[in-house]
């Protein structure tokens, strides 16, 4: 595979990963009741910690973020 094809493939990977992150965020995170309640009761850091450590959507977002980093380092 030549360098141009590798870059094109990386950009496609990058773009599709970003789109998937956006879709997950729009579908599940925006307007999330649990996140909203935790922010009211315990503050933004506690809500963020919940999303990162206990939410399955947060776990998926972390995985996609790691894939995004891999994709950008291949370019």
PDB file of N, CA and C in Angstrom:
ATOM      1  N   UNK A   1       0.853  -1.179   0.000  1.00  0.00           N
ATOM      2  CA  UNK A   1       0.000   0.000   0.000  1.00  0.00           C
ATOM      3  C   UNK A   1       0.892   1.233   0.000  1.00  0.00           C
ATOM      4  N   UNK A   2       0.620   2.160  -0.909  1.00  0.00           N
ATOM      5  CA  UNK A   2       1.456   3.352  -0.962  1.00  0.00           C
ATOM      6  C   UNK A   2       1.034   4.363   0.110  1.00  0.00           C
ATOM      7  N   UNK A   3       1.859   5.372   0.287  1.00  0.00           N
ATOM      8  CA  UNK A   3       1.653   6.368   1.357  1.00  0.00           C
ATOM      9  C   UNK A   3       0.320   7.101   1.190  1.00  0.00           C
ATOM     10  N   UNK A   4      -0.057   7.446  -0.040  1.00  0.00           N
ATOM     11  CA  UNK A   4      -1.309   8.153  -0.285  1.00  0.00           C
ATOM     12  C   UNK A   4      -2.504   7.304   0.139  1.00  0.00           C
ATOM     13  N   UNK A   5      -2.487   6.031  -0.188  1.00  0.00           N
ATOM     14  CA  UNK A   5      -3.575   5.139   0.217  1.00  0.00           C
ATOM     15  C   UNK A   5      -3.645   5.001   1.729  1.00  0.00           C
ATOM     16  N   UNK A   6      -2.499   4.959   2.394  1.00  0.00           N
ATOM     17  CA  UNK A   6      -2.477   4.868   3.851  1.00  0.00           C
ATOM     18  C   UNK A   6      -3.089   6.111   4.480  1.00  0.00           C
ATOM     19  N   UNK A   7      -2.730   7.283   3.966  1.00  0.00           N
ATOM     20  CA  UNK A   7      -3.257   8.544   4.489  1.00  0.00           C
ATOM     21  C   UNK A   7      -4.762   8.605   4.257  1.00  0.00           C
ATOM     22  N   UNK A   8      -5.220   8.224   3.071  1.00  0.00           N
ATOM     23  CA  UNK A   8      -6.649   8.235   2.758  1.00  0.00           C
ATOM     24  C   UNK A   8      -7.399   7.292   3.683  1.00  0.00           C
ATOM     25  N   UNK A   9      -6.872   6.103   3.890  1.00  0.00           N
ATOM     26  CA  UNK A   9      -7.500   5.137   4.784  1.00  0.00           C
ATOM     27  C   UNK A   9      -7.537   5.674   6.205  1.00  0.00           C
ATOM     28  N   UNK A  10      -6.465   6.317   6.644  1.00  0.00           N
ATOM     29  CA  UNK A  10      -6.430   6.895   7.982  1.00  0.00           C
ATOM     30  C   UNK A  10      -7.476   7.982   8.146  1.00  0.00           C
ATOM     31  N   UNK A  11      -7.638   8.820   7.115  1.00  0.00           N
ATOM     32  CA  UNK A  11      -8.629   9.896   7.186  1.00  0.00           C
ATOM     33  C   UNK A  11     -10.047   9.339   7.247  1.00  0.00           C
ATOM     34  N   UNK A  12     -10.300   8.254   6.510  1.00  0.00           N
ATOM     35  CA  UNK A  12     -11.611   7.615   6.551  1.00  0.00           C
ATOM     36  C   UNK A  12     -11.846   7.050   7.946  1.00  0.00           C
ATOM     37  N   UNK A  13     -10.858   6.361   8.502  1.00  0.00           N
ATOM     38  CA  UNK A  13     -10.968   5.832   9.851  1.00  0.00           C
ATOM     39  C   UNK A  13     -11.228   6.958  10.835  1.00  0.00           C
ATOM     40  N   UNK A  14     -10.451   8.025  10.740  1.00  0.00           N
ATOM     41  CA  UNK A  14     -10.564   9.169  11.632  1.00  0.00           C
ATOM     42  C   UNK A  14     -11.972   9.752  11.556  1.00  0.00           C
ATOM     43  N   UNK A  15     -12.442   9.983  10.350  1.00  0.00           N
ATOM     44  CA  UNK A  15     -13.758  10.594  10.146  1.00  0.00           C
ATOM     45  C   UNK A  15     -14.877   9.698  10.675  1.00  0.00           C
ATOM     46  N   UNK A  16     -14.800   8.408  10.425  1.00  0.00           N
ATOM     47  CA  UNK A  16     -15.862   7.501  10.881  1.00  0.00           C
ATOM     48  C   UNK A  16     -15.863   7.380  12.410  1.00  0.00           C
ATOM     49  N   UNK A  17     -14.696   7.422  13.017  1.00  0.00           N
ATOM     50  CA  UNK A  17     -14.613   7.361  14.476  1.00  0.00           C
ATOM     51  C   UNK A  17     -15.206   8.627  15.089  1.00  0.00           C
ATOM     52  N   UNK A  18     -14.878   9.778  14.531  1.00  0.00           N
ATOM     53  CA  UNK A  18     -15.431  11.045  15.030  1.00  0.00           C
ATOM     54  C   UNK A  18     -16.955  11.048  14.883  1.00  0.00           C
ATOM     55  N   UNK A  19     -17.457  10.561  13.760  1.00  0.00           N
ATOM     56  CA  UNK A  19     -18.906  10.494  13.549  1.00  0.00           C
ATOM     57  C   UNK A  19     -19.566   9.589  14.585  1.00  0.00           C
ATOM     58  N   UNK A  20     -18.944   8.456  14.881  1.00  0.00           N
ATOM     59  CA  UNK A  20     -19.502   7.533  15.866  1.00  0.00           C
ATOM     60  C   UNK A  20     -19.511   8.166  17.263  1.00  0.00           C
ATOM     61  N   UNK A  21     -18.440   8.879  17.601  1.00  0.00           N
ATOM     62  CA  UNK A  21     -18.387   9.581  18.894  1.00  0.00           C
ATOM     63  C   UNK A  21     -19.516  10.608  18.974  1.00  0.00           C
ATOM     64  N   UNK A  22     -19.694  11.385  17.915  1.00  0.00           N
ATOM     65  CA  UNK A  22     -20.756  12.387  17.882  1.00  0.00           C
ATOM     66  C   UNK A  22     -22.135  11.752  18.048  1.00  0.00           C
ATOM     67  N   UNK A  23     -22.366  10.654  17.345  1.00  0.00           N
ATOM     68  CA  UNK A  23     -23.657   9.964  17.427  1.00  0.00           C
ATOM     69  C   UNK A  23     -23.927   9.455  18.842  1.00  0.00           C
ATOM     70  N   UNK A  24     -22.926   8.838  19.463  1.00  0.00           N
ATOM     71  CA  UNK A  24     -23.098   8.354  20.827  1.00  0.00           C
ATOM     72  C   UNK A  24     -23.407   9.501  21.784  1.00  0.00           C
ATOM     73  N   UNK A  25     -22.655  10.577  21.659  1.00  0.00           N
ATOM     74  CA  UNK A  25     -22.849  11.734  22.525  1.00  0.00           C
ATOM     75  C   UNK A  25     -24.252  12.324  22.354  1.00  0.00           C
ATOM     76  N   UNK A  26     -24.670  12.519  21.107  1.00  0.00           N
ATOM     77  CA  UNK A  26     -25.985  13.095  20.840  1.00  0.00           C
ATOM     78  C   UNK A  26     -27.112  12.166  21.292  1.00  0.00           C
ATOM     79  N   UNK A  27     -26.943  10.874  21.095  1.00  0.00           N
ATOM     80  CA  UNK A  27     -27.992   9.910  21.405  1.00  0.00           C
ATOM     81  C   UNK A  27     -28.130   9.655  22.903  1.00  0.00           C
ATOM     82  N   UNK A  28     -26.996   9.511  23.597  1.00  0.00           N
ATOM     83  CA  UNK A  28     -27.060   9.066  24.984  1.00  0.00           C
ATOM     84  C   UNK A  28     -26.631  10.102  26.021  1.00  0.00           C
ATOM     85  N   UNK A  29     -25.702  10.969  25.696  1.00  0.00           N
ATOM     86  CA  UNK A  29     -25.126  11.851  26.723  1.00  0.00           C
ATOM     87  C   UNK A  29     -25.867  13.175  26.866  1.00  0.00           C
ATOM     88  N   UNK A  30     -26.258  13.756  25.744  1.00  0.00           N
ATOM     89  CA  UNK A  30     -26.989  15.017  25.807  1.00  0.00           C
ATOM     90  C   UNK A  30     -28.361  14.733  26.412  1.00  0.00           C
ATOM     91  N   UNK A  31     -28.646  15.389  27.519  1.00  0.00           N
ATOM     92  CA  UNK A  31     -29.914  15.188  28.197  1.00  0.00           C
ATOM     93  C   UNK A  31     -29.949  13.972  29.107  1.00  0.00           C
ATOM     94  N   UNK A  32     -28.807  13.382  29.404  1.00  0.00           N
ATOM     95  CA  UNK A  32     -28.756  12.205  30.286  1.00  0.00           C
ATOM     96  C   UNK A  32     -29.220  12.588  31.694  1.00  0.00           C
ATOM     97  N   UNK A  33     -30.232  11.908  32.180  1.00  0.00           N
ATOM     98  CA  UNK A  33     -30.793  12.202  33.500  1.00  0.00           C
ATOM     99  C   UNK A  33     -29.781  11.958  34.611  1.00  0.00           C
ATOM    100  N   UNK A  34     -29.059  10.856  34.534  1.00  0.00           N
ATOM    101  CA  UNK A  34     -28.089  10.510  35.585  1.00  0.00           C
ATOM    102  C   UNK A  34     -27.007  11.591  35.675  1.00  0.00           C
ATOM    103  N   UNK A  35     -26.471  11.978  34.546  1.00  0.00           N
ATOM    104  CA  UNK A  35     -25.436  13.012  34.519  1.00  0.00           C
ATOM    105  C   UNK A  35     -25.972  14.337  35.081  1.00  0.00           C
ATOM    106  N   UNK A  36     -27.184  14.697  34.674  1.00  0.00           N
ATOM    107  CA  UNK A  36     -27.793  15.936  35.154  1.00  0.00           C
ATOM    108  C   UNK A  36     -27.993  15.904  36.670  1.00  0.00           C
ATOM    109  N   UNK A  37     -28.510  14.804  37.187  1.00  0.00           N
ATOM    110  CA  UNK A  37     -28.734  14.674  38.629  1.00  0.00           C
ATOM    111  C   UNK A  37     -27.427  14.725  39.404  1.00  0.00           C
ATOM    112  N   UNK A  38     -26.432  13.989  38.925  1.00  0.00           N
ATOM    113  CA  UNK A  38     -25.145  13.978  39.624  1.00  0.00           C
ATOM    114  C   UNK A  38     -24.508  15.369  39.629  1.00  0.00           C
ATOM    115  N   UNK A  39     -24.647  16.099  38.544  1.00  0.00           N
ATOM    116  CA  UNK A  39     -24.108  17.472  38.505  1.00  0.00           C
ATOM    117  C   UNK A  39     -24.793  18.347  39.534  1.00  0.00           C
ATOM    118  N   UNK A  40     -26.121  18.203  39.683  1.00  0.00           N
ATOM    119  CA  UNK A  40     -26.864  18.991  40.666  1.00  0.00           C
ATOM    120  C   UNK A  40     -26.477  18.613  42.088  1.00  0.00           C
ATOM    121  N   UNK A  41     -26.399  17.310  42.348  1.00  0.00           N
ATOM    122  CA  UNK A  41     -26.182  16.816  43.713  1.00  0.00           C
ATOM    123  C   UNK A  41     -24.721  16.862  44.144  1.00  0.00           C
ATOM    124  N   UNK A  42     -23.812  16.522  43.234  1.00  0.00           N
ATOM    125  CA  UNK A  42     -22.418  16.329  43.637  1.00  0.00           C
ATOM    126  C   UNK A  42     -21.415  17.171  42.862  1.00  0.00           C
ATOM    127  N   UNK A  43     -21.867  17.866  41.839  1.00  0.00           N
ATOM    128  CA  UNK A  43     -20.960  18.703  41.055  1.00  0.00           C
ATOM    129  C   UNK A  43     -20.487  18.032  39.773  1.00  0.00           C
ATOM    130  N   UNK A  44     -19.912  18.859  38.933  1.00  0.00           N
ATOM    131  CA  UNK A  44     -19.453  18.417  37.614  1.00  0.00           C
ATOM    132  C   UNK A  44     -18.382  17.324  37.678  1.00  0.00           C
ATOM    133  N   UNK A  45     -17.381  17.437  38.590  1.00  0.00           N
ATOM    134  CA  UNK A  45     -16.364  16.377  38.639  1.00  0.00           C
ATOM    135  C   UNK A  45     -16.941  14.993  38.978  1.00  0.00           C
ATOM    136  N   UNK A  46     -17.914  14.959  39.875  1.00  0.00           N
ATOM    137  CA  UNK A  46     -18.523  13.673  40.239  1.00  0.00           C
ATOM    138  C   UNK A  46     -19.297  13.093  39.062  1.00  0.00           C
ATOM    139  N   UNK A  47     -20.009  13.940  38.342  1.00  0.00           N
ATOM    140  CA  UNK A  47     -20.749  13.475  37.172  1.00  0.00           C
ATOM    141  C   UNK A  47     -19.785  12.963  36.102  1.00  0.00           C
ATOM    142  N   UNK A  48     -18.709  13.697  35.892  1.00  0.00           N
ATOM    143  CA  UNK A  48     -17.701  13.293  34.907  1.00  0.00           C
ATOM    144  C   UNK A  48     -17.065  11.959  35.297  1.00  0.00           C
ATOM    145  N   UNK A  49     -16.756  11.815  36.566  1.00  0.00           N
ATOM    146  CA  UNK A  49     -16.157  10.571  37.063  1.00  0.00           C
ATOM    147  C   UNK A  49     -17.101   9.387  36.842  1.00  0.00           C
ATOM    148  N   UNK A  50     -18.401   9.599  37.113  1.00  0.00           N
ATOM    149  CA  UNK A  50     -19.379   8.542  36.866  1.00  0.00           C
ATOM    150  C   UNK A  50     -19.368   8.132  35.395  1.00  0.00           C
ATOM    151  N   UNK A  51     -19.402   9.130  34.514  1.00  0.00           N
ATOM    152  CA  UNK A  51     -19.441   8.843  33.079  1.00  0.00           C
ATOM    153  C   UNK A  51     -18.214   8.042  32.638  1.00  0.00           C
ATOM    154  N   UNK A  52     -17.073   8.385  33.189  1.00  0.00           N
ATOM    155  CA  UNK A  52     -15.835   7.713  32.807  1.00  0.00           C
ATOM    156  C   UNK A  52     -15.729   6.313  33.415  1.00  0.00           C
ATOM    157  N   UNK A  53     -16.082   6.172  34.673  1.00  0.00           N
ATOM    158  CA  UNK A  53     -15.823   4.929  35.390  1.00  0.00           C
ATOM    159  C   UNK A  53     -16.970   3.924  35.380  1.00  0.00           C
ATOM    160  N   UNK A  54     -18.220   4.390  35.263  1.00  0.00           N
ATOM    161  CA  UNK A  54     -19.337   3.468  35.461  1.00  0.00           C
ATOM    162  C   UNK A  54     -20.322   3.367  34.308  1.00  0.00           C
ATOM    163  N   UNK A  55     -20.324   4.351  33.427  1.00  0.00           N
ATOM    164  CA  UNK A  55     -21.294   4.364  32.337  1.00  0.00           C
ATOM    165  C   UNK A  55     -20.766   3.559  31.146  1.00  0.00           C
ATOM    166  N   UNK A  56     -21.595   2.679  30.608  1.00  0.00           N
ATOM    167  CA  UNK A  56     -21.158   1.868  29.466  1.00  0.00           C
ATOM    168  C   UNK A  56     -20.940   2.728  28.223  1.00  0.00           C
ATOM    169  N   UNK A  57     -21.707   3.802  28.076  1.00  0.00           N
ATOM    170  CA  UNK A  57     -21.500   4.712  26.948  1.00  0.00           C
ATOM    171  C   UNK A  57     -20.158   5.419  27.115  1.00  0.00           C
ATOM    172  N   UNK A  58     -19.848   5.821  28.346  1.00  0.00           N
ATOM    173  CA  UNK A  58     -18.558   6.447  28.623  1.00  0.00           C
ATOM    174  C   UNK A  58     -17.396   5.521  28.304  1.00  0.00           C
ATOM    175  N   UNK A  59     -17.560   4.244  28.622  1.00  0.00           N
ATOM    176  CA  UNK A  59     -16.518   3.258  28.302  1.00  0.00           C
ATOM    177  C   UNK A  59     -16.328   3.166  26.787  1.00  0.00           C
ATOM    178  N   UNK A  60     -17.437   3.160  26.052  1.00  0.00           N
ATOM    179  CA  UNK A  60     -17.352   3.089  24.591  1.00  0.00           C
ATOM    180  C   UNK A  60     -16.692   4.344  24.032  1.00  0.00           C
ATOM    181  N   UNK A  61     -17.024   5.505  24.603  1.00  0.00           N
ATOM    182  CA  UNK A  61     -16.405   6.749  24.158  1.00  0.00           C
ATOM    183  C   UNK A  61     -14.896   6.734  24.414  1.00  0.00           C
ATOM    184  N   UNK A  62     -14.499   6.188  25.543  1.00  0.00           N
ATOM    185  CA  UNK A  62     -13.059   6.081  25.826  1.00  0.00           C
ATOM    186  C   UNK A  62     -12.369   5.181  24.812  1.00  0.00           C
ATOM    187  N   UNK A  63     -12.996   4.055  24.512  1.00  0.00           N
ATOM    188  CA  UNK A  63     -12.436   3.132  23.525  1.00  0.00           C
ATOM    189  C   UNK A  63     -12.280   3.830  22.170  1.00  0.00           C
ATOM    190  N   UNK A  64     -13.323   4.538  21.747  1.00  0.00           N
ATOM    191  CA  UNK A  64     -13.259   5.237  20.456  1.00  0.00           C
ATOM    192  C   UNK A  64     -12.202   6.337  20.482  1.00  0.00           C
ATOM    193  N   UNK A  65     -12.047   7.003  21.612  1.00  0.00           N
ATOM    194  CA  UNK A  65     -11.004   8.015  21.745  1.00  0.00           C
ATOM    195  C   UNK A  65      -9.621   7.422  21.574  1.00  0.00           C
ATOM    196  N   UNK A  66      -9.412   6.239  22.146  1.00  0.00           N
ATOM    197  CA  UNK A  66      -8.126   5.552  21.976  1.00  0.00           C
ATOM    198  C   UNK A  66      -7.906   5.171  20.519  1.00  0.00           C
ATOM    199  N   UNK A  67      -8.962   4.708  19.857  1.00  0.00           N
ATOM    200  CA  UNK A  67      -8.866   4.365  18.444  1.00  0.00           C
ATOM    201  C   UNK A  67      -8.560   5.609  17.612  1.00  0.00           C
ATOM    202  N   UNK A  68      -9.139   6.724  17.993  1.00  0.00           N
ATOM    203  CA  UNK A  68      -8.888   7.982  17.311  1.00  0.00           C
ATOM    204  C   UNK A  68      -7.422   8.382  17.430  1.00  0.00           C
ATOM    205  N   UNK A  69      -6.864   8.217  18.611  1.00  0.00           N
ATOM    206  CA  UNK A  69      -5.443   8.505  18.803  1.00  0.00           C
ATOM    207  C   UNK A  69      -4.568   7.596  17.942  1.00  0.00           C
ATOM    208  N   UNK A  70      -4.914   6.321  17.896  1.00  0.00           N
ATOM    209  CA  UNK A  70      -4.167   5.375  17.048  1.00  0.00           C
ATOM    210  C   UNK A  70      -4.254   5.799  15.584  1.00  0.00           C
ATOM    211  N   UNK A  71      -5.460   6.179  15.174  1.00  0.00           N
ATOM    212  CA  UNK A  71      -5.698   6.581  13.781  1.00  0.00           C
ATOM    213  C   UNK A  71      -4.889   7.816  13.422  1.00  0.00           C
ATOM    214  N   UNK A  72      -4.813   8.775  14.340  1.00  0.00           N
ATOM    215  CA  UNK A  72      -4.111  10.014  14.028  1.00  0.00           C
ATOM    216  C   UNK A  72      -2.595   9.823  14.044  1.00  0.00           C
ATOM    217  N   UNK A  73      -2.089   8.848  14.783  1.00  0.00           N
ATOM    218  CA  UNK A  73      -0.652   8.620  14.800  1.00  0.00           C
ATOM    219  C   UNK A  73      -0.193   7.832  13.575  1.00  0.00           C
ATOM    220  N   UNK A  74      -1.122   7.124  12.908  1.00  0.00           N
ATOM    221  CA  UNK A  74      -0.786   6.383  11.694  1.00  0.00           C
ATOM    222  C   UNK A  74      -0.675   7.297  10.484  1.00  0.00           C
ATOM    223  N   UNK A  75      -1.299   8.457  10.577  1.00  0.00           N
ATOM    224  CA  UNK A  75      -1.324   9.358   9.401  1.00  0.00           C
ATOM    225  C   UNK A  75       0.011   9.992   9.130  1.00  0.00           C
TER     226      UNK A  75
END
